[in-house]
Amino acid sequence: MNAPTQIPVGYSRTLRLREMLQSNRLEFLMEAHNGISARIAREAGFKSIWGSGLSISAQFGVRTTTRRELDAGRR
C-alpha cells in the first residue's frame, strides 16, 4: 500500500475516487465505522475509506431500518 498523501489543491476527493473506479488497476478500500478506524486505515495507506450506515449504527448499538421494513410499513 502507498503511504497517505495529501490531495493537491484543486484536486477533489470525488475526482480521485472517479479515477480509481475508471482505472484498470486493482485498488483496496477500507471500511471505517468511527474516527479511530478511519485514521488507522489512512495511516495504513488505503487510498479510499468509506463508512456504511450498517457499520456505523452497529457501533452505537442502534438497529437499522431496511428497505423491506419501510415498504412493509406502507401497506
N, C-alpha and C. Protein backbone atom coordinates (compact mmCIF):
# COMPACT_ATOMS: atom_id res chain seq x y z
N MET A 1 0.83 -1.17 0.00
CA MET A 1 0.00 0.00 0.00
C MET A 1 0.88 1.24 0.00
N ASN A 2 0.36 2.26 -0.54
CA ASN A 2 1.10 3.51 -0.59
C ASN A 2 0.89 4.30 0.70
N ALA A 3 1.86 5.11 1.04
CA ALA A 3 1.72 5.97 2.22
C ALA A 3 0.65 7.02 1.94
N PRO A 4 -0.04 7.48 2.99
CA PRO A 4 -1.06 8.51 2.79
C PRO A 4 -0.46 9.75 2.14
N THR A 5 -1.21 10.32 1.23
CA THR A 5 -0.72 11.51 0.55
C THR A 5 -1.73 12.63 0.70
N GLN A 6 -1.25 13.84 0.62
CA GLN A 6 -2.13 15.00 0.65
C GLN A 6 -2.75 15.16 -0.73
N ILE A 7 -4.00 15.56 -0.77
CA ILE A 7 -4.66 15.82 -2.04
C ILE A 7 -4.21 17.19 -2.54
N PRO A 8 -3.70 17.26 -3.77
CA PRO A 8 -3.25 18.57 -4.28
C PRO A 8 -4.39 19.58 -4.33
N VAL A 9 -4.05 20.84 -4.22
CA VAL A 9 -5.04 21.92 -4.28
C VAL A 9 -5.78 21.85 -5.61
N GLY A 10 -7.09 21.96 -5.57
CA GLY A 10 -7.90 21.92 -6.77
C GLY A 10 -8.22 20.50 -7.25
N TYR A 11 -7.79 19.51 -6.51
CA TYR A 11 -8.00 18.11 -6.88
C TYR A 11 -8.92 17.50 -5.85
N SER A 12 -10.17 17.30 -6.20
CA SER A 12 -11.17 16.88 -5.22
C SER A 12 -11.09 15.38 -4.94
N ARG A 13 -11.64 15.01 -3.81
CA ARG A 13 -11.72 13.58 -3.46
C ARG A 13 -12.63 12.85 -4.44
N THR A 14 -13.65 13.57 -4.92
CA THR A 14 -14.55 12.97 -5.90
C THR A 14 -13.81 12.60 -7.17
N LEU A 15 -12.98 13.50 -7.65
CA LEU A 15 -12.19 13.23 -8.84
C LEU A 15 -11.23 12.08 -8.61
N ARG A 16 -10.64 12.04 -7.44
CA ARG A 16 -9.71 10.95 -7.10
C ARG A 16 -10.44 9.60 -7.10
N LEU A 17 -11.63 9.55 -6.51
CA LEU A 17 -12.41 8.31 -6.49
C LEU A 17 -12.82 7.91 -7.90
N ARG A 18 -13.26 8.89 -8.69
CA ARG A 18 -13.67 8.60 -10.07
C ARG A 18 -12.51 7.99 -10.86
N GLU A 19 -11.32 8.54 -10.70
CA GLU A 19 -10.16 8.00 -11.39
C GLU A 19 -9.85 6.57 -10.94
N MET A 20 -10.01 6.31 -9.65
CA MET A 20 -9.78 4.95 -9.16
C MET A 20 -10.78 3.97 -9.76
N LEU A 21 -12.05 4.38 -9.84
CA LEU A 21 -13.09 3.50 -10.37
C LEU A 21 -12.92 3.23 -11.86
N GLN A 22 -12.40 4.21 -12.60
CA GLN A 22 -12.24 4.06 -14.04
C GLN A 22 -10.91 3.40 -14.41
N SER A 23 -10.02 3.27 -13.46
CA SER A 23 -8.71 2.69 -13.71
C SER A 23 -8.80 1.18 -13.88
N ASN A 24 -7.84 0.62 -14.57
CA ASN A 24 -7.76 -0.84 -14.70
C ASN A 24 -6.98 -1.47 -13.56
N ARG A 25 -6.47 -0.65 -12.66
CA ARG A 25 -5.68 -1.15 -11.53
C ARG A 25 -6.60 -1.66 -10.43
N LEU A 26 -6.12 -2.67 -9.71
CA LEU A 26 -6.83 -3.18 -8.55
C LEU A 26 -6.51 -2.28 -7.37
N GLU A 27 -7.53 -1.78 -6.72
CA GLU A 27 -7.35 -0.90 -5.56
C GLU A 27 -8.02 -1.53 -4.35
N PHE A 28 -7.47 -1.29 -3.19
CA PHE A 28 -8.03 -1.80 -1.95
C PHE A 28 -8.58 -0.62 -1.15
N LEU A 29 -9.85 -0.73 -0.76
CA LEU A 29 -10.51 0.29 0.03
C LEU A 29 -10.80 -0.31 1.40
N MET A 30 -10.96 0.54 2.39
CA MET A 30 -11.20 0.05 3.75
C MET A 30 -12.44 0.72 4.32
N GLU A 31 -13.26 -0.07 4.99
CA GLU A 31 -14.43 0.48 5.66
C GLU A 31 -14.04 0.93 7.07
N ALA A 32 -14.56 2.06 7.47
CA ALA A 32 -14.30 2.58 8.81
C ALA A 32 -15.62 2.89 9.48
N HIS A 33 -15.77 2.44 10.73
CA HIS A 33 -17.02 2.68 11.45
C HIS A 33 -16.91 3.79 12.48
N ASN A 34 -15.71 4.35 12.64
CA ASN A 34 -15.53 5.50 13.53
C ASN A 34 -14.24 6.23 13.15
N GLY A 35 -13.97 7.31 13.83
CA GLY A 35 -12.80 8.11 13.50
C GLY A 35 -11.49 7.38 13.72
N ILE A 36 -11.43 6.54 14.74
CA ILE A 36 -10.19 5.81 15.01
C ILE A 36 -9.89 4.82 13.90
N SER A 37 -10.89 4.05 13.47
CA SER A 37 -10.63 3.08 12.40
C SER A 37 -10.34 3.79 11.08
N ALA A 38 -10.93 4.97 10.87
CA ALA A 38 -10.62 5.75 9.66
C ALA A 38 -9.17 6.21 9.68
N ARG A 39 -8.72 6.64 10.84
CA ARG A 39 -7.33 7.10 10.95
C ARG A 39 -6.36 5.93 10.75
N ILE A 40 -6.67 4.78 11.31
CA ILE A 40 -5.82 3.61 11.13
C ILE A 40 -5.75 3.24 9.66
N ALA A 41 -6.90 3.25 8.97
CA ALA A 41 -6.93 2.92 7.54
C ALA A 41 -6.11 3.92 6.74
N ARG A 42 -6.22 5.19 7.08
CA ARG A 42 -5.46 6.23 6.38
C ARG A 42 -3.96 6.04 6.60
N GLU A 43 -3.57 5.80 7.85
CA GLU A 43 -2.15 5.63 8.16
C GLU A 43 -1.60 4.34 7.56
N ALA A 44 -2.47 3.34 7.34
CA ALA A 44 -2.04 2.10 6.71
C ALA A 44 -1.84 2.26 5.21
N GLY A 45 -2.32 3.40 4.66
CA GLY A 45 -2.08 3.69 3.26
C GLY A 45 -3.22 3.38 2.31
N PHE A 46 -4.41 3.10 2.84
CA PHE A 46 -5.54 2.86 1.94
C PHE A 46 -5.86 4.14 1.19
N LYS A 47 -6.12 4.02 -0.10
CA LYS A 47 -6.40 5.19 -0.92
C LYS A 47 -7.79 5.74 -0.71
N SER A 48 -8.69 4.91 -0.21
CA SER A 48 -10.05 5.36 0.00
C SER A 48 -10.63 4.67 1.22
N ILE A 49 -11.51 5.39 1.91
CA ILE A 49 -12.16 4.89 3.12
C ILE A 49 -13.64 5.19 3.00
N TRP A 50 -14.49 4.26 3.38
CA TRP A 50 -15.93 4.53 3.37
C TRP A 50 -16.54 4.06 4.68
N GLY A 51 -17.70 4.56 4.98
CA GLY A 51 -18.45 4.13 6.15
C GLY A 51 -19.88 3.85 5.74
N SER A 52 -20.38 2.69 6.10
CA SER A 52 -21.76 2.34 5.75
C SER A 52 -22.68 2.62 6.94
N GLY A 53 -23.93 2.80 6.64
CA GLY A 53 -24.91 3.02 7.69
C GLY A 53 -24.97 1.85 8.66
N LEU A 54 -24.84 0.64 8.14
CA LEU A 54 -24.90 -0.55 8.99
C LEU A 54 -23.74 -0.59 9.97
N SER A 55 -22.52 -0.35 9.49
CA SER A 55 -21.37 -0.42 10.38
C SER A 55 -21.38 0.69 11.43
N ILE A 56 -21.81 1.87 11.03
CA ILE A 56 -21.85 2.98 11.98
C ILE A 56 -22.94 2.76 13.02
N SER A 57 -24.12 2.31 12.60
CA SER A 57 -25.20 2.08 13.56
C SER A 57 -24.86 0.91 14.48
N ALA A 58 -24.16 -0.11 13.96
CA ALA A 58 -23.77 -1.25 14.79
C ALA A 58 -22.81 -0.82 15.88
N GLN A 59 -21.94 0.12 15.57
CA GLN A 59 -21.00 0.62 16.57
C GLN A 59 -21.75 1.23 17.75
N PHE A 60 -22.86 1.91 17.49
CA PHE A 60 -23.63 2.55 18.54
C PHE A 60 -24.74 1.66 19.09
N GLY A 61 -24.87 0.45 18.56
CA GLY A 61 -25.89 -0.47 19.02
C GLY A 61 -27.29 -0.06 18.63
N VAL A 62 -27.39 0.63 17.48
CA VAL A 62 -28.68 1.11 17.00
C VAL A 62 -29.14 0.20 15.86
N ARG A 63 -30.39 -0.16 15.89
CA ARG A 63 -30.95 -1.00 14.83
C ARG A 63 -31.14 -0.18 13.56
N THR A 64 -30.79 -0.76 12.42
CA THR A 64 -31.02 -0.08 11.15
C THR A 64 -32.36 -0.50 10.57
N THR A 65 -32.90 0.34 9.75
CA THR A 65 -34.15 0.04 9.07
C THR A 65 -33.84 -0.32 7.63
N THR A 66 -34.33 -1.46 7.20
CA THR A 66 -34.09 -1.90 5.83
C THR A 66 -35.18 -1.40 4.90
N ARG A 67 -34.93 -1.45 3.64
CA ARG A 67 -35.92 -1.02 2.65
C ARG A 67 -37.17 -1.90 2.74
N ARG A 68 -36.98 -3.18 3.00
CA ARG A 68 -38.11 -4.10 3.11
C ARG A 68 -39.02 -3.69 4.27
N GLU A 69 -38.44 -3.28 5.39
CA GLU A 69 -39.24 -2.85 6.53
C GLU A 69 -39.99 -1.56 6.23
N LEU A 70 -39.35 -0.67 5.49
CA LEU A 70 -40.04 0.58 5.10
C LEU A 70 -41.20 0.29 4.19
N ASP A 71 -41.01 -0.62 3.22
CA ASP A 71 -42.09 -0.98 2.31
C ASP A 71 -43.23 -1.67 3.04
N ALA A 72 -42.92 -2.52 4.01
CA ALA A 72 -43.96 -3.23 4.75
C ALA A 72 -44.77 -2.26 5.60
N GLY A 73 -44.14 -1.20 6.09
CA GLY A 73 -44.86 -0.21 6.90
C GLY A 73 -45.84 0.62 6.11
N ARG A 74 -45.66 0.68 4.80
CA ARG A 74 -46.56 1.48 3.97
C ARG A 74 -47.83 0.73 3.60
N ARG A 75 -47.85 -0.56 3.85
CA ARG A 75 -49.03 -1.35 3.47
C ARG A 75 -50.13 -1.26 4.48
